[in-house]
């Protein structure tokens, strides 16, 4: 119960990040896809 209370407080203090769309390239055709990945994790 204490763990769930601590988790609730942590989520209330730190809301989820807000993401926005950012177009990298519009001229890709077919099944190509651009994916940004952090490989250092």
N, C-alpha and C. Protein backbone atom coordinates (compact mmCIF):
# COMPACT_ATOMS: atom_id res chain seq x y z
N UNK A 1 0.82 -1.19 0.00
CA UNK A 1 0.00 0.00 0.00
C UNK A 1 0.87 1.26 0.00
N UNK A 2 1.92 1.25 0.76
CA UNK A 2 2.82 2.42 0.81
C UNK A 2 3.46 2.64 -0.56
N UNK A 3 3.83 1.54 -1.22
CA UNK A 3 4.44 1.66 -2.54
C UNK A 3 3.47 2.28 -3.54
N UNK A 4 2.22 1.87 -3.52
CA UNK A 4 1.24 2.45 -4.45
C UNK A 4 0.98 3.92 -4.12
N UNK A 5 1.01 4.29 -2.86
CA UNK A 5 0.85 5.69 -2.47
C UNK A 5 2.04 6.52 -2.97
N UNK A 6 3.25 5.99 -2.81
CA UNK A 6 4.44 6.69 -3.29
C UNK A 6 4.42 6.84 -4.81
N UNK A 7 3.97 5.80 -5.51
CA UNK A 7 3.88 5.87 -6.96
C UNK A 7 2.86 6.92 -7.39
N UNK A 8 1.73 6.98 -6.71
CA UNK A 8 0.71 7.98 -7.02
C UNK A 8 1.23 9.39 -6.81
N UNK A 9 1.96 9.61 -5.74
CA UNK A 9 2.54 10.94 -5.48
C UNK A 9 3.57 11.28 -6.54
N UNK A 10 4.41 10.31 -6.91
CA UNK A 10 5.44 10.56 -7.93
C UNK A 10 4.81 10.91 -9.27
N UNK A 11 3.74 10.23 -9.63
CA UNK A 11 3.07 10.53 -10.90
C UNK A 11 2.36 11.88 -10.86
N UNK A 12 1.87 12.27 -9.72
CA UNK A 12 1.20 13.56 -9.60
C UNK A 12 2.20 14.71 -9.68
N UNK A 13 3.39 14.51 -9.14
CA UNK A 13 4.42 15.55 -9.14
C UNK A 13 5.06 15.67 -10.52
N UNK A 14 5.30 14.54 -11.18
CA UNK A 14 5.96 14.52 -12.49
C UNK A 14 4.97 14.03 -13.55
N UNK A 15 4.25 14.93 -14.19
CA UNK A 15 3.29 14.49 -15.21
C UNK A 15 4.01 13.91 -16.43
N UNK A 16 3.28 13.17 -17.22
CA UNK A 16 3.85 12.54 -18.42
C UNK A 16 4.34 13.62 -19.38
N UNK A 17 5.43 13.36 -20.09
CA UNK A 17 5.96 14.34 -21.04
C UNK A 17 4.99 14.55 -22.20
N UNK A 18 4.99 15.74 -22.75
CA UNK A 18 4.15 16.07 -23.90
C UNK A 18 5.00 15.98 -25.16
N UNK A 19 4.52 15.23 -26.13
CA UNK A 19 5.24 15.06 -27.40
C UNK A 19 4.53 15.83 -28.49
N UNK A 20 5.30 16.29 -29.47
CA UNK A 20 4.70 16.95 -30.63
C UNK A 20 5.32 16.40 -31.90
N UNK A 21 4.56 16.42 -32.96
CA UNK A 21 5.01 15.88 -34.24
C UNK A 21 6.07 16.77 -34.85
N UNK A 22 7.11 16.15 -35.43
CA UNK A 22 8.17 16.88 -36.10
C UNK A 22 8.50 16.13 -37.39
N UNK A 23 8.17 16.71 -38.52
CA UNK A 23 8.39 16.05 -39.81
C UNK A 23 9.87 16.16 -40.17
N UNK A 24 10.50 15.01 -40.41
CA UNK A 24 11.91 14.98 -40.80
C UNK A 24 12.04 15.00 -42.31
N UNK A 25 11.25 14.18 -43.00
CA UNK A 25 11.28 14.12 -44.46
C UNK A 25 9.90 13.77 -44.97
N UNK A 26 9.46 14.48 -46.00
CA UNK A 26 8.15 14.20 -46.59
C UNK A 26 8.27 13.49 -47.93
N UNK A 27 9.48 13.36 -48.46
CA UNK A 27 9.65 12.82 -49.80
C UNK A 27 10.00 11.32 -49.83
N UNK A 28 9.83 10.63 -48.72
CA UNK A 28 10.10 9.19 -48.70
C UNK A 28 8.91 8.45 -49.31
N UNK A 29 9.20 7.52 -50.21
CA UNK A 29 8.13 6.80 -50.90
C UNK A 29 8.18 5.32 -50.54
N UNK A 30 7.06 4.65 -50.69
CA UNK A 30 7.00 3.21 -50.44
C UNK A 30 6.95 2.90 -48.97
N UNK A 31 7.67 1.88 -48.58
CA UNK A 31 7.61 1.37 -47.21
C UNK A 31 8.76 1.87 -46.35
N UNK A 32 9.36 2.98 -46.70
CA UNK A 32 10.47 3.50 -45.91
C UNK A 32 9.95 4.18 -44.66
N UNK A 33 10.77 4.13 -43.63
CA UNK A 33 10.36 4.71 -42.36
C UNK A 33 11.60 5.27 -41.67
N UNK A 34 11.50 6.45 -41.10
CA UNK A 34 12.59 7.06 -40.34
C UNK A 34 12.26 6.90 -38.86
N UNK A 35 13.19 6.32 -38.10
CA UNK A 35 12.98 6.10 -36.68
C UNK A 35 14.17 6.66 -35.92
N UNK A 36 13.91 7.51 -34.95
CA UNK A 36 14.97 8.04 -34.09
C UNK A 36 15.12 7.12 -32.89
N UNK A 37 16.35 6.65 -32.63
CA UNK A 37 16.60 5.70 -31.55
C UNK A 37 17.85 6.12 -30.79
N UNK A 38 17.80 6.04 -29.47
CA UNK A 38 18.98 6.27 -28.64
C UNK A 38 19.62 4.91 -28.37
N UNK A 39 20.73 4.61 -29.04
CA UNK A 39 21.39 3.32 -28.90
C UNK A 39 22.32 3.26 -27.69
N UNK A 40 22.47 4.36 -26.97
CA UNK A 40 23.37 4.40 -25.83
C UNK A 40 22.71 3.91 -24.54
N UNK A 41 21.47 3.52 -24.59
CA UNK A 41 20.79 3.06 -23.37
C UNK A 41 21.09 1.63 -23.10
